Amino acid sequence: AQVTFVHEPGGHSHQIAQRLSHALA
């Protein structure tokens, strides 16, 4: 597959909407 692994700041519950929007983009 075409796969990427991105590290985001913070713990498990930090900036959930931002993480989802990054994935969608």
PDBML (XML) file of the C-alpha atoms, coordinates in Angstrom:
<?xml version="1.0" encoding="UTF-8" ?>
<PDBx:datablock datablockName="MODEL"
   xmlns:PDBx="http://pdbml.pdb.org/schema/pdbx-v50.xsd"
   xmlns:xsi="http://www.w3.org/2001/XMLSchema-instance"
   xsi:schemaLocation="http://pdbml.pdb.org/schema/pdbx-v50.xsd pdbx-v50.xsd">
   <PDBx:atom_siteCategory>
      <PDBx:atom_site id="1">
         <PDBx:B_iso_or_equiv>0.00</PDBx:B_iso_or_equiv>
         <PDBx:Cartn_x>0.000</PDBx:Cartn_x>
         <PDBx:Cartn_y>0.000</PDBx:Cartn_y>
         <PDBx:Cartn_z>0.000</PDBx:Cartn_z>
         <PDBx:auth_asym_id>A</PDBx:auth_asym_id>
         <PDBx:auth_atom_id>CA</PDBx:auth_atom_id>
         <PDBx:auth_comp_id>ALA</PDBx:auth_comp_id>
         <PDBx:auth_seq_id>1</PDBx:auth_seq_id>
         <PDBx:group_PDB>ATOM</PDBx:group_PDB>
         <PDBx:label_alt_id xsi:nil="true" />
         <PDBx:label_asym_id>A</PDBx:label_asym_id>
         <PDBx:label_atom_id>CA</PDBx:label_atom_id>
         <PDBx:label_comp_id>ALA</PDBx:label_comp_id>
         <PDBx:label_entity_id>1</PDBx:label_entity_id>
         <PDBx:label_seq_id>1</PDBx:label_seq_id>
         <PDBx:occupancy>1.00</PDBx:occupancy>
         <PDBx:pdbx_PDB_model_num>1</PDBx:pdbx_PDB_model_num>
         <PDBx:type_symbol>C</PDBx:type_symbol>
      </PDBx:atom_site>
      <PDBx:atom_site id="2">
         <PDBx:B_iso_or_equiv>0.00</PDBx:B_iso_or_equiv>
         <PDBx:Cartn_x>0.901</PDBx:Cartn_x>
         <PDBx:Cartn_y>3.659</PDBx:Cartn_y>
         <PDBx:Cartn_z>-0.181</PDBx:Cartn_z>
         <PDBx:auth_asym_id>A</PDBx:auth_asym_id>
         <PDBx:auth_atom_id>CA</PDBx:auth_atom_id>
         <PDBx:auth_comp_id>GLN</PDBx:auth_comp_id>
         <PDBx:auth_seq_id>2</PDBx:auth_seq_id>
         <PDBx:group_PDB>ATOM</PDBx:group_PDB>
         <PDBx:label_alt_id xsi:nil="true" />
         <PDBx:label_asym_id>A</PDBx:label_asym_id>
         <PDBx:label_atom_id>CA</PDBx:label_atom_id>
         <PDBx:label_comp_id>GLN</PDBx:label_comp_id>
         <PDBx:label_entity_id>1</PDBx:label_entity_id>
         <PDBx:label_seq_id>2</PDBx:label_seq_id>
         <PDBx:occupancy>1.00</PDBx:occupancy>
         <PDBx:pdbx_PDB_model_num>1</PDBx:pdbx_PDB_model_num>
         <PDBx:type_symbol>C</PDBx:type_symbol>
      </PDBx:atom_site>
      <PDBx:atom_site id="3">
         <PDBx:B_iso_or_equiv>0.00</PDBx:B_iso_or_equiv>
         <PDBx:Cartn_x>1.439</PDBx:Cartn_x>
         <PDBx:Cartn_y>4.260</PDBx:Cartn_y>
         <PDBx:Cartn_z>3.533</PDBx:Cartn_z>
         <PDBx:auth_asym_id>A</PDBx:auth_asym_id>
         <PDBx:auth_atom_id>CA</PDBx:auth_atom_id>
         <PDBx:auth_comp_id>VAL</PDBx:auth_comp_id>
         <PDBx:auth_seq_id>3</PDBx:auth_seq_id>
         <PDBx:group_PDB>ATOM</PDBx:group_PDB>
         <PDBx:label_alt_id xsi:nil="true" />
         <PDBx:label_asym_id>A</PDBx:label_asym_id>
         <PDBx:label_atom_id>CA</PDBx:label_atom_id>
         <PDBx:label_comp_id>VAL</PDBx:label_comp_id>
         <PDBx:label_entity_id>1</PDBx:label_entity_id>
         <PDBx:label_seq_id>3</PDBx:label_seq_id>
         <PDBx:occupancy>1.00</PDBx:occupancy>
         <PDBx:pdbx_PDB_model_num>1</PDBx:pdbx_PDB_model_num>
         <PDBx:type_symbol>C</PDBx:type_symbol>
      </PDBx:atom_site>
      <PDBx:atom_site id="4">
         <PDBx:B_iso_or_equiv>0.00</PDBx:B_iso_or_equiv>
         <PDBx:Cartn_x>2.689</PDBx:Cartn_x>
         <PDBx:Cartn_y>7.056</PDBx:Cartn_y>
         <PDBx:Cartn_z>5.757</PDBx:Cartn_z>
         <PDBx:auth_asym_id>A</PDBx:auth_asym_id>
         <PDBx:auth_atom_id>CA</PDBx:auth_atom_id>
         <PDBx:auth_comp_id>THR</PDBx:auth_comp_id>
         <PDBx:auth_seq_id>4</PDBx:auth_seq_id>
         <PDBx:group_PDB>ATOM</PDBx:group_PDB>
         <PDBx:label_alt_id xsi:nil="true" />
         <PDBx:label_asym_id>A</PDBx:label_asym_id>
         <PDBx:label_atom_id>CA</PDBx:label_atom_id>
         <PDBx:label_comp_id>THR</PDBx:label_comp_id>
         <PDBx:label_entity_id>1</PDBx:label_entity_id>
         <PDBx:label_seq_id>4</PDBx:label_seq_id>
         <PDBx:occupancy>1.00</PDBx:occupancy>
         <PDBx:pdbx_PDB_model_num>1</PDBx:pdbx_PDB_model_num>
         <PDBx:type_symbol>C</PDBx:type_symbol>
      </PDBx:atom_site>
      <PDBx:atom_site id="5">
         <PDBx:B_iso_or_equiv>0.00</PDBx:B_iso_or_equiv>
         <PDBx:Cartn_x>3.272</PDBx:Cartn_x>
         <PDBx:Cartn_y>7.249</PDBx:Cartn_y>
         <PDBx:Cartn_z>9.525</PDBx:Cartn_z>
         <PDBx:auth_asym_id>A</PDBx:auth_asym_id>
         <PDBx:auth_atom_id>CA</PDBx:auth_atom_id>
         <PDBx:auth_comp_id>PHE</PDBx:auth_comp_id>
         <PDBx:auth_seq_id>5</PDBx:auth_seq_id>
         <PDBx:group_PDB>ATOM</PDBx:group_PDB>
         <PDBx:label_alt_id xsi:nil="true" />
         <PDBx:label_asym_id>A</PDBx:label_asym_id>
         <PDBx:label_atom_id>CA</PDBx:label_atom_id>
         <PDBx:label_comp_id>PHE</PDBx:label_comp_id>
         <PDBx:label_entity_id>1</PDBx:label_entity_id>
         <PDBx:label_seq_id>5</PDBx:label_seq_id>
         <PDBx:occupancy>1.00</PDBx:occupancy>
         <PDBx:pdbx_PDB_model_num>1</PDBx:pdbx_PDB_model_num>
         <PDBx:type_symbol>C</PDBx:type_symbol>
      </PDBx:atom_site>
      <PDBx:atom_site id="6">
         <PDBx:B_iso_or_equiv>0.00</PDBx:B_iso_or_equiv>
         <PDBx:Cartn_x>3.042</PDBx:Cartn_x>
         <PDBx:Cartn_y>10.728</PDBx:Cartn_y>
         <PDBx:Cartn_z>11.040</PDBx:Cartn_z>
         <PDBx:auth_asym_id>A</PDBx:auth_asym_id>
         <PDBx:auth_atom_id>CA</PDBx:auth_atom_id>
         <PDBx:auth_comp_id>VAL</PDBx:auth_comp_id>
         <PDBx:auth_seq_id>6</PDBx:auth_seq_id>
         <PDBx:group_PDB>ATOM</PDBx:group_PDB>
         <PDBx:label_alt_id xsi:nil="true" />
         <PDBx:label_asym_id>A</PDBx:label_asym_id>
         <PDBx:label_atom_id>CA</PDBx:label_atom_id>
         <PDBx:label_comp_id>VAL</PDBx:label_comp_id>
         <PDBx:label_entity_id>1</PDBx:label_entity_id>
         <PDBx:label_seq_id>6</PDBx:label_seq_id>
         <PDBx:occupancy>1.00</PDBx:occupancy>
         <PDBx:pdbx_PDB_model_num>1</PDBx:pdbx_PDB_model_num>
         <PDBx:type_symbol>C</PDBx:type_symbol>
      </PDBx:atom_site>
      <PDBx:atom_site id="7">
         <PDBx:B_iso_or_equiv>0.00</PDBx:B_iso_or_equiv>
         <PDBx:Cartn_x>3.950</PDBx:Cartn_x>
         <PDBx:Cartn_y>11.747</PDBx:Cartn_y>
         <PDBx:Cartn_z>14.581</PDBx:Cartn_z>
         <PDBx:auth_asym_id>A</PDBx:auth_asym_id>
         <PDBx:auth_atom_id>CA</PDBx:auth_atom_id>
         <PDBx:auth_comp_id>HIS</PDBx:auth_comp_id>
         <PDBx:auth_seq_id>7</PDBx:auth_seq_id>
         <PDBx:group_PDB>ATOM</PDBx:group_PDB>
         <PDBx:label_alt_id xsi:nil="true" />
         <PDBx:label_asym_id>A</PDBx:label_asym_id>
         <PDBx:label_atom_id>CA</PDBx:label_atom_id>
         <PDBx:label_comp_id>HIS</PDBx:label_comp_id>
         <PDBx:label_entity_id>1</PDBx:label_entity_id>
         <PDBx:label_seq_id>7</PDBx:label_seq_id>
         <PDBx:occupancy>1.00</PDBx:occupancy>
         <PDBx:pdbx_PDB_model_num>1</PDBx:pdbx_PDB_model_num>
         <PDBx:type_symbol>C</PDBx:type_symbol>
      </PDBx:atom_site>
      <PDBx:atom_site id="8">
         <PDBx:B_iso_or_equiv>0.00</PDBx:B_iso_or_equiv>
         <PDBx:Cartn_x>1.621</PDBx:Cartn_x>
         <PDBx:Cartn_y>14.314</PDBx:Cartn_y>
         <PDBx:Cartn_z>16.115</PDBx:Cartn_z>
         <PDBx:auth_asym_id>A</PDBx:auth_asym_id>
         <PDBx:auth_atom_id>CA</PDBx:auth_atom_id>
         <PDBx:auth_comp_id>GLU</PDBx:auth_comp_id>
         <PDBx:auth_seq_id>8</PDBx:auth_seq_id>
         <PDBx:group_PDB>ATOM</PDBx:group_PDB>
         <PDBx:label_alt_id xsi:nil="true" />
         <PDBx:label_asym_id>A</PDBx:label_asym_id>
         <PDBx:label_atom_id>CA</PDBx:label_atom_id>
         <PDBx:label_comp_id>GLU</PDBx:label_comp_id>
         <PDBx:label_entity_id>1</PDBx:label_entity_id>
         <PDBx:label_seq_id>8</PDBx:label_seq_id>
         <PDBx:occupancy>1.00</PDBx:occupancy>
         <PDBx:pdbx_PDB_model_num>1</PDBx:pdbx_PDB_model_num>
         <PDBx:type_symbol>C</PDBx:type_symbol>
      </PDBx:atom_site>
      <PDBx:atom_site id="9">
         <PDBx:B_iso_or_equiv>0.00</PDBx:B_iso_or_equiv>
         <PDBx:Cartn_x>2.221</PDBx:Cartn_x>
         <PDBx:Cartn_y>16.362</PDBx:Cartn_y>
         <PDBx:Cartn_z>19.291</PDBx:Cartn_z>
         <PDBx:auth_asym_id>A</PDBx:auth_asym_id>
         <PDBx:auth_atom_id>CA</PDBx:auth_atom_id>
         <PDBx:auth_comp_id>PRO</PDBx:auth_comp_id>
         <PDBx:auth_seq_id>9</PDBx:auth_seq_id>
         <PDBx:group_PDB>ATOM</PDBx:group_PDB>
         <PDBx:label_alt_id xsi:nil="true" />
         <PDBx:label_asym_id>A</PDBx:label_asym_id>
         <PDBx:label_atom_id>CA</PDBx:label_atom_id>
         <PDBx:label_comp_id>PRO</PDBx:label_comp_id>
         <PDBx:label_entity_id>1</PDBx:label_entity_id>
         <PDBx:label_seq_id>9</PDBx:label_seq_id>
         <PDBx:occupancy>1.00</PDBx:occupancy>
         <PDBx:pdbx_PDB_model_num>1</PDBx:pdbx_PDB_model_num>
         <PDBx:type_symbol>C</PDBx:type_symbol>
      </PDBx:atom_site>
      <PDBx:atom_site id="10">
         <PDBx:B_iso_or_equiv>0.00</PDBx:B_iso_or_equiv>
         <PDBx:Cartn_x>0.738</PDBx:Cartn_x>
         <PDBx:Cartn_y>15.338</PDBx:Cartn_y>
         <PDBx:Cartn_z>22.621</PDBx:Cartn_z>
         <PDBx:auth_asym_id>A</PDBx:auth_asym_id>
         <PDBx:auth_atom_id>CA</PDBx:auth_atom_id>
         <PDBx:auth_comp_id>GLY</PDBx:auth_comp_id>
         <PDBx:auth_seq_id>10</PDBx:auth_seq_id>
         <PDBx:group_PDB>ATOM</PDBx:group_PDB>
         <PDBx:label_alt_id xsi:nil="true" />
         <PDBx:label_asym_id>A</PDBx:label_asym_id>
         <PDBx:label_atom_id>CA</PDBx:label_atom_id>
         <PDBx:label_comp_id>GLY</PDBx:label_comp_id>
         <PDBx:label_entity_id>1</PDBx:label_entity_id>
         <PDBx:label_seq_id>10</PDBx:label_seq_id>
         <PDBx:occupancy>1.00</PDBx:occupancy>
         <PDBx:pdbx_PDB_model_num>1</PDBx:pdbx_PDB_model_num>
         <PDBx:type_symbol>C</PDBx:type_symbol>
      </PDBx:atom_site>
      <PDBx:atom_site id="11">
         <PDBx:B_iso_or_equiv>0.00</PDBx:B_iso_or_equiv>
         <PDBx:Cartn_x>-0.905</PDBx:Cartn_x>
         <PDBx:Cartn_y>12.304</PDBx:Cartn_y>
         <PDBx:Cartn_z>24.091</PDBx:Cartn_z>
         <PDBx:auth_asym_id>A</PDBx:auth_asym_id>
         <PDBx:auth_atom_id>CA</PDBx:auth_atom_id>
         <PDBx:auth_comp_id>GLY</PDBx:auth_comp_id>
         <PDBx:auth_seq_id>11</PDBx:auth_seq_id>
         <PDBx:group_PDB>ATOM</PDBx:group_PDB>
         <PDBx:label_alt_id xsi:nil="true" />
         <PDBx:label_asym_id>A</PDBx:label_asym_id>
         <PDBx:label_atom_id>CA</PDBx:label_atom_id>
         <PDBx:label_comp_id>GLY</PDBx:label_comp_id>
         <PDBx:label_entity_id>1</PDBx:label_entity_id>
         <PDBx:label_seq_id>11</PDBx:label_seq_id>
         <PDBx:occupancy>1.00</PDBx:occupancy>
         <PDBx:pdbx_PDB_model_num>1</PDBx:pdbx_PDB_model_num>
         <PDBx:type_symbol>C</PDBx:type_symbol>
      </PDBx:atom_site>
      <PDBx:atom_site id="12">
         <PDBx:B_iso_or_equiv>0.00</PDBx:B_iso_or_equiv>
         <PDBx:Cartn_x>-3.775</PDBx:Cartn_x>
         <PDBx:Cartn_y>10.091</PDBx:Cartn_y>
         <PDBx:Cartn_z>23.030</PDBx:Cartn_z>
         <PDBx:auth_asym_id>A</PDBx:auth_asym_id>
         <PDBx:auth_atom_id>CA</PDBx:auth_atom_id>
         <PDBx:auth_comp_id>HIS</PDBx:auth_comp_id>
         <PDBx:auth_seq_id>12</PDBx:auth_seq_id>
         <PDBx:group_PDB>ATOM</PDBx:group_PDB>
         <PDBx:label_alt_id xsi:nil="true" />
         <PDBx:label_asym_id>A</PDBx:label_asym_id>
         <PDBx:label_atom_id>CA</PDBx:label_atom_id>
         <PDBx:label_comp_id>HIS</PDBx:label_comp_id>
         <PDBx:label_entity_id>1</PDBx:label_entity_id>
         <PDBx:label_seq_id>12</PDBx:label_seq_id>
         <PDBx:occupancy>1.00</PDBx:occupancy>
         <PDBx:pdbx_PDB_model_num>1</PDBx:pdbx_PDB_model_num>
         <PDBx:type_symbol>C</PDBx:type_symbol>
      </PDBx:atom_site>
      <PDBx:atom_site id="13">
         <PDBx:B_iso_or_equiv>0.00</PDBx:B_iso_or_equiv>
         <PDBx:Cartn_x>-6.577</PDBx:Cartn_x>
         <PDBx:Cartn_y>12.659</PDBx:Cartn_y>
         <PDBx:Cartn_z>23.329</PDBx:Cartn_z>
         <PDBx:auth_asym_id>A</PDBx:auth_asym_id>
         <PDBx:auth_atom_id>CA</PDBx:auth_atom_id>
         <PDBx:auth_comp_id>SER</PDBx:auth_comp_id>
         <PDBx:auth_seq_id>13</PDBx:auth_seq_id>
         <PDBx:group_PDB>ATOM</PDBx:group_PDB>
         <PDBx:label_alt_id xsi:nil="true" />
         <PDBx:label_asym_id>A</PDBx:label_asym_id>
         <PDBx:label_atom_id>CA</PDBx:label_atom_id>
         <PDBx:label_comp_id>SER</PDBx:label_comp_id>
         <PDBx:label_entity_id>1</PDBx:label_entity_id>
         <PDBx:label_seq_id>13</PDBx:label_seq_id>
         <PDBx:occupancy>1.00</PDBx:occupancy>
         <PDBx:pdbx_PDB_model_num>1</PDBx:pdbx_PDB_model_num>
         <PDBx:type_symbol>C</PDBx:type_symbol>
      </PDBx:atom_site>
      <PDBx:atom_site id="14">
         <PDBx:B_iso_or_equiv>0.00</PDBx:B_iso_or_equiv>
         <PDBx:Cartn_x>-4.726</PDBx:Cartn_x>
         <PDBx:Cartn_y>15.728</PDBx:Cartn_y>
         <PDBx:Cartn_z>22.053</PDBx:Cartn_z>
         <PDBx:auth_asym_id>A</PDBx:auth_asym_id>
         <PDBx:auth_atom_id>CA</PDBx:auth_atom_id>
         <PDBx:auth_comp_id>HIS</PDBx:auth_comp_id>
         <PDBx:auth_seq_id>14</PDBx:auth_seq_id>
         <PDBx:group_PDB>ATOM</PDBx:group_PDB>
         <PDBx:label_alt_id xsi:nil="true" />
         <PDBx:label_asym_id>A</PDBx:label_asym_id>
         <PDBx:label_atom_id>CA</PDBx:label_atom_id>
         <PDBx:label_comp_id>HIS</PDBx:label_comp_id>
         <PDBx:label_entity_id>1</PDBx:label_entity_id>
         <PDBx:label_seq_id>14</PDBx:label_seq_id>
         <PDBx:occupancy>1.00</PDBx:occupancy>
         <PDBx:pdbx_PDB_model_num>1</PDBx:pdbx_PDB_model_num>
         <PDBx:type_symbol>C</PDBx:type_symbol>
      </PDBx:atom_site>
      <PDBx:atom_site id="15">
         <PDBx:B_iso_or_equiv>0.00</PDBx:B_iso_or_equiv>
         <PDBx:Cartn_x>-6.171</PDBx:Cartn_x>
         <PDBx:Cartn_y>17.661</PDBx:Cartn_y>
         <PDBx:Cartn_z>19.083</PDBx:Cartn_z>
         <PDBx:auth_asym_id>A</PDBx:auth_asym_id>
         <PDBx:auth_atom_id>CA</PDBx:auth_atom_id>
         <PDBx:auth_comp_id>GLN</PDBx:auth_comp_id>
         <PDBx:auth_seq_id>15</PDBx:auth_seq_id>
         <PDBx:group_PDB>ATOM</PDBx:group_PDB>
         <PDBx:label_alt_id xsi:nil="true" />
         <PDBx:label_asym_id>A</PDBx:label_asym_id>
         <PDBx:label_atom_id>CA</PDBx:label_atom_id>
         <PDBx:label_comp_id>GLN</PDBx:label_comp_id>
         <PDBx:label_entity_id>1</PDBx:label_entity_id>
         <PDBx:label_seq_id>15</PDBx:label_seq_id>
         <PDBx:occupancy>1.00</PDBx:occupancy>
         <PDBx:pdbx_PDB_model_num>1</PDBx:pdbx_PDB_model_num>
         <PDBx:type_symbol>C</PDBx:type_symbol>
      </PDBx:atom_site>
      <PDBx:atom_site id="16">
         <PDBx:B_iso_or_equiv>0.00</PDBx:B_iso_or_equiv>
         <PDBx:Cartn_x>-8.307</PDBx:Cartn_x>
         <PDBx:Cartn_y>14.844</PDBx:Cartn_y>
         <PDBx:Cartn_z>17.700</PDBx:Cartn_z>
         <PDBx:auth_asym_id>A</PDBx:auth_asym_id>
         <PDBx:auth_atom_id>CA</PDBx:auth_atom_id>
         <PDBx:auth_comp_id>ILE</PDBx:auth_comp_id>
         <PDBx:auth_seq_id>16</PDBx:auth_seq_id>
         <PDBx:group_PDB>ATOM</PDBx:group_PDB>
         <PDBx:label_alt_id xsi:nil="true" />
         <PDBx:label_asym_id>A</PDBx:label_asym_id>
         <PDBx:label_atom_id>CA</PDBx:label_atom_id>
         <PDBx:label_comp_id>ILE</PDBx:label_comp_id>
         <PDBx:label_entity_id>1</PDBx:label_entity_id>
         <PDBx:label_seq_id>16</PDBx:label_seq_id>
         <PDBx:occupancy>1.00</PDBx:occupancy>
         <PDBx:pdbx_PDB_model_num>1</PDBx:pdbx_PDB_model_num>
         <PDBx:type_symbol>C</PDBx:type_symbol>
      </PDBx:atom_site>
      <PDBx:atom_site id="17">
         <PDBx:B_iso_or_equiv>0.00</PDBx:B_iso_or_equiv>
         <PDBx:Cartn_x>-9.985</PDBx:Cartn_x>
         <PDBx:Cartn_y>16.981</PDBx:Cartn_y>
         <PDBx:Cartn_z>15.029</PDBx:Cartn_z>
         <PDBx:auth_asym_id>A</PDBx:auth_asym_id>
         <PDBx:auth_atom_id>CA</PDBx:auth_atom_id>
         <PDBx:auth_comp_id>ALA</PDBx:auth_comp_id>
         <PDBx:auth_seq_id>17</PDBx:auth_seq_id>
         <PDBx:group_PDB>ATOM</PDBx:group_PDB>
         <PDBx:label_alt_id xsi:nil="true" />
         <PDBx:label_asym_id>A</PDBx:label_asym_id>
         <PDBx:label_atom_id>CA</PDBx:label_atom_id>
         <PDBx:label_comp_id>ALA</PDBx:label_comp_id>
         <PDBx:label_entity_id>1</PDBx:label_entity_id>
         <PDBx:label_seq_id>17</PDBx:label_seq_id>
         <PDBx:occupancy>1.00</PDBx:occupancy>
         <PDBx:pdbx_PDB_model_num>1</PDBx:pdbx_PDB_model_num>
         <PDBx:type_symbol>C</PDBx:type_symbol>
      </PDBx:atom_site>
      <PDBx:atom_site id="18">
         <PDBx:B_iso_or_equiv>0.00</PDBx:B_iso_or_equiv>
         <PDBx:Cartn_x>-6.618</PDBx:Cartn_x>
         <PDBx:Cartn_y>18.196</PDBx:Cartn_y>
         <PDBx:Cartn_z>13.788</PDBx:Cartn_z>
         <PDBx:auth_asym_id>A</PDBx:auth_asym_id>
         <PDBx:auth_atom_id>CA</PDBx:auth_atom_id>
         <PDBx:auth_comp_id>GLN</PDBx:auth_comp_id>
         <PDBx:auth_seq_id>18</PDBx:auth_seq_id>
         <PDBx:group_PDB>ATOM</PDBx:group_PDB>
         <PDBx:label_alt_id xsi:nil="true" />
         <PDBx:label_asym_id>A</PDBx:label_asym_id>
         <PDBx:label_atom_id>CA</PDBx:label_atom_id>
         <PDBx:label_comp_id>GLN</PDBx:label_comp_id>
         <PDBx:label_entity_id>1</PDBx:label_entity_id>
         <PDBx:label_seq_id>18</PDBx:label_seq_id>
         <PDBx:occupancy>1.00</PDBx:occupancy>
         <PDBx:pdbx_PDB_model_num>1</PDBx:pdbx_PDB_model_num>
         <PDBx:type_symbol>C</PDBx:type_symbol>
      </PDBx:atom_site>
      <PDBx:atom_site id="19">
         <PDBx:B_iso_or_equiv>0.00</PDBx:B_iso_or_equiv>
         <PDBx:Cartn_x>-5.328</PDBx:Cartn_x>
         <PDBx:Cartn_y>14.638</PDBx:Cartn_y>
         <PDBx:Cartn_z>13.515</PDBx:Cartn_z>
         <PDBx:auth_asym_id>A</PDBx:auth_asym_id>
         <PDBx:auth_atom_id>CA</PDBx:auth_atom_id>
         <PDBx:auth_comp_id>ARG</PDBx:auth_comp_id>
         <PDBx:auth_seq_id>19</PDBx:auth_seq_id>
         <PDBx:group_PDB>ATOM</PDBx:group_PDB>
         <PDBx:label_alt_id xsi:nil="true" />
         <PDBx:label_asym_id>A</PDBx:label_asym_id>
         <PDBx:label_atom_id>CA</PDBx:label_atom_id>
         <PDBx:label_comp_id>ARG</PDBx:label_comp_id>
         <PDBx:label_entity_id>1</PDBx:label_entity_id>
         <PDBx:label_seq_id>19</PDBx:label_seq_id>
         <PDBx:occupancy>1.00</PDBx:occupancy>
         <PDBx:pdbx_PDB_model_num>1</PDBx:pdbx_PDB_model_num>
         <PDBx:type_symbol>C</PDBx:type_symbol>
      </PDBx:atom_site>
      <PDBx:atom_site id="20">
         <PDBx:B_iso_or_equiv>0.00</PDBx:B_iso_or_equiv>
         <PDBx:Cartn_x>-8.385</PDBx:Cartn_x>
         <PDBx:Cartn_y>13.540</PDBx:Cartn_y>
         <PDBx:Cartn_z>11.561</PDBx:Cartn_z>
         <PDBx:auth_asym_id>A</PDBx:auth_asym_id>
         <PDBx:auth_atom_id>CA</PDBx:auth_atom_id>
         <PDBx:auth_comp_id>LEU</PDBx:auth_comp_id>
         <PDBx:auth_seq_id>20</PDBx:auth_seq_id>
         <PDBx:group_PDB>ATOM</PDBx:group_PDB>
         <PDBx:label_alt_id xsi:nil="true" />
         <PDBx:label_asym_id>A</PDBx:label_asym_id>
         <PDBx:label_atom_id>CA</PDBx:label_atom_id>
         <PDBx:label_comp_id>LEU</PDBx:label_comp_id>
         <PDBx:label_entity_id>1</PDBx:label_entity_id>
         <PDBx:label_seq_id>20</PDBx:label_seq_id>
         <PDBx:occupancy>1.00</PDBx:occupancy>
         <PDBx:pdbx_PDB_model_num>1</PDBx:pdbx_PDB_model_num>
         <PDBx:type_symbol>C</PDBx:type_symbol>
      </PDBx:atom_site>
      <PDBx:atom_site id="21">
         <PDBx:B_iso_or_equiv>0.00</PDBx:B_iso_or_equiv>
         <PDBx:Cartn_x>-8.157</PDBx:Cartn_x>
         <PDBx:Cartn_y>16.549</PDBx:Cartn_y>
         <PDBx:Cartn_z>9.239</PDBx:Cartn_z>
         <PDBx:auth_asym_id>A</PDBx:auth_asym_id>
         <PDBx:auth_atom_id>CA</PDBx:auth_atom_id>
         <PDBx:auth_comp_id>SER</PDBx:auth_comp_id>
         <PDBx:auth_seq_id>21</PDBx:auth_seq_id>
         <PDBx:group_PDB>ATOM</PDBx:group_PDB>
         <PDBx:label_alt_id xsi:nil="true" />
         <PDBx:label_asym_id>A</PDBx:label_asym_id>
         <PDBx:label_atom_id>CA</PDBx:label_atom_id>
         <PDBx:label_comp_id>SER</PDBx:label_comp_id>
         <PDBx:label_entity_id>1</PDBx:label_entity_id>
         <PDBx:label_seq_id>21</PDBx:label_seq_id>
         <PDBx:occupancy>1.00</PDBx:occupancy>
         <PDBx:pdbx_PDB_model_num>1</PDBx:pdbx_PDB_model_num>
         <PDBx:type_symbol>C</PDBx:type_symbol>
      </PDBx:atom_site>
      <PDBx:atom_site id="22">
         <PDBx:B_iso_or_equiv>0.00</PDBx:B_iso_or_equiv>
         <PDBx:Cartn_x>-4.482</PDBx:Cartn_x>
         <PDBx:Cartn_y>15.787</PDBx:Cartn_y>
         <PDBx:Cartn_z>8.551</PDBx:Cartn_z>
         <PDBx:auth_asym_id>A</PDBx:auth_asym_id>
         <PDBx:auth_atom_id>CA</PDBx:auth_atom_id>
         <PDBx:auth_comp_id>HIS</PDBx:auth_comp_id>
         <PDBx:auth_seq_id>22</PDBx:auth_seq_id>
         <PDBx:group_PDB>ATOM</PDBx:group_PDB>
         <PDBx:label_alt_id xsi:nil="true" />
         <PDBx:label_asym_id>A</PDBx:label_asym_id>
         <PDBx:label_atom_id>CA</PDBx:label_atom_id>
         <PDBx:label_comp_id>HIS</PDBx:label_comp_id>
         <PDBx:label_entity_id>1</PDBx:label_entity_id>
         <PDBx:label_seq_id>22</PDBx:label_seq_id>
         <PDBx:occupancy>1.00</PDBx:occupancy>
         <PDBx:pdbx_PDB_model_num>1</PDBx:pdbx_PDB_model_num>
         <PDBx:type_symbol>C</PDBx:type_symbol>
      </PDBx:atom_site>
      <PDBx:atom_site id="23">
         <PDBx:B_iso_or_equiv>0.00</PDBx:B_iso_or_equiv>
         <PDBx:Cartn_x>-5.428</PDBx:Cartn_x>
         <PDBx:Cartn_y>12.225</PDBx:Cartn_y>
         <PDBx:Cartn_z>7.626</PDBx:Cartn_z>
         <PDBx:auth_asym_id>A</PDBx:auth_asym_id>
         <PDBx:auth_atom_id>CA</PDBx:auth_atom_id>
         <PDBx:auth_comp_id>ALA</PDBx:auth_comp_id>
         <PDBx:auth_seq_id>23</PDBx:auth_seq_id>
         <PDBx:group_PDB>ATOM</PDBx:group_PDB>
         <PDBx:label_alt_id xsi:nil="true" />
         <PDBx:label_asym_id>A</PDBx:label_asym_id>
         <PDBx:label_atom_id>CA</PDBx:label_atom_id>
         <PDBx:label_comp_id>ALA</PDBx:label_comp_id>
         <PDBx:label_entity_id>1</PDBx:label_entity_id>
         <PDBx:label_seq_id>23</PDBx:label_seq_id>
         <PDBx:occupancy>1.00</PDBx:occupancy>
         <PDBx:pdbx_PDB_model_num>1</PDBx:pdbx_PDB_model_num>
         <PDBx:type_symbol>C</PDBx:type_symbol>
      </PDBx:atom_site>
      <PDBx:atom_site id="24">
         <PDBx:B_iso_or_equiv>0.00</PDBx:B_iso_or_equiv>
         <PDBx:Cartn_x>-8.212</PDBx:Cartn_x>
         <PDBx:Cartn_y>13.370</PDBx:Cartn_y>
         <PDBx:Cartn_z>5.306</PDBx:Cartn_z>
         <PDBx:auth_asym_id>A</PDBx:auth_asym_id>
         <PDBx:auth_atom_id>CA</PDBx:auth_atom_id>
         <PDBx:auth_comp_id>LEU</PDBx:auth_comp_id>
         <PDBx:auth_seq_id>24</PDBx:auth_seq_id>
         <PDBx:group_PDB>ATOM</PDBx:group_PDB>
         <PDBx:label_alt_id xsi:nil="true" />
         <PDBx:label_asym_id>A</PDBx:label_asym_id>
         <PDBx:label_atom_id>CA</PDBx:label_atom_id>
         <PDBx:label_comp_id>LEU</PDBx:label_comp_id>
         <PDBx:label_entity_id>1</PDBx:label_entity_id>
         <PDBx:label_seq_id>24</PDBx:label_seq_id>
         <PDBx:occupancy>1.00</PDBx:occupancy>
         <PDBx:pdbx_PDB_model_num>1</PDBx:pdbx_PDB_model_num>
         <PDBx:type_symbol>C</PDBx:type_symbol>
      </PDBx:atom_site>
      <PDBx:atom_site id="25">
         <PDBx:B_iso_or_equiv>0.00</PDBx:B_iso_or_equiv>
         <PDBx:Cartn_x>-5.980</PDBx:Cartn_x>
         <PDBx:Cartn_y>15.932</PDBx:Cartn_y>
         <PDBx:Cartn_z>3.619</PDBx:Cartn_z>
         <PDBx:auth_asym_id>A</PDBx:auth_asym_id>
         <PDBx:auth_atom_id>CA</PDBx:auth_atom_id>
         <PDBx:auth_comp_id>ALA</PDBx:auth_comp_id>
         <PDBx:auth_seq_id>25</PDBx:auth_seq_id>
         <PDBx:group_PDB>ATOM</PDBx:group_PDB>
         <PDBx:label_alt_id xsi:nil="true" />
         <PDBx:label_asym_id>A</PDBx:label_asym_id>
         <PDBx:label_atom_id>CA</PDBx:label_atom_id>
         <PDBx:label_comp_id>ALA</PDBx:label_comp_id>
         <PDBx:label_entity_id>1</PDBx:label_entity_id>
         <PDBx:label_seq_id>25</PDBx:label_seq_id>
         <PDBx:occupancy>1.00</PDBx:occupancy>
         <PDBx:pdbx_PDB_model_num>1</PDBx:pdbx_PDB_model_num>
         <PDBx:type_symbol>C</PDBx:type_symbol>
      </PDBx:atom_site>
   </PDBx:atom_siteCategory>
</PDBx:datablock>
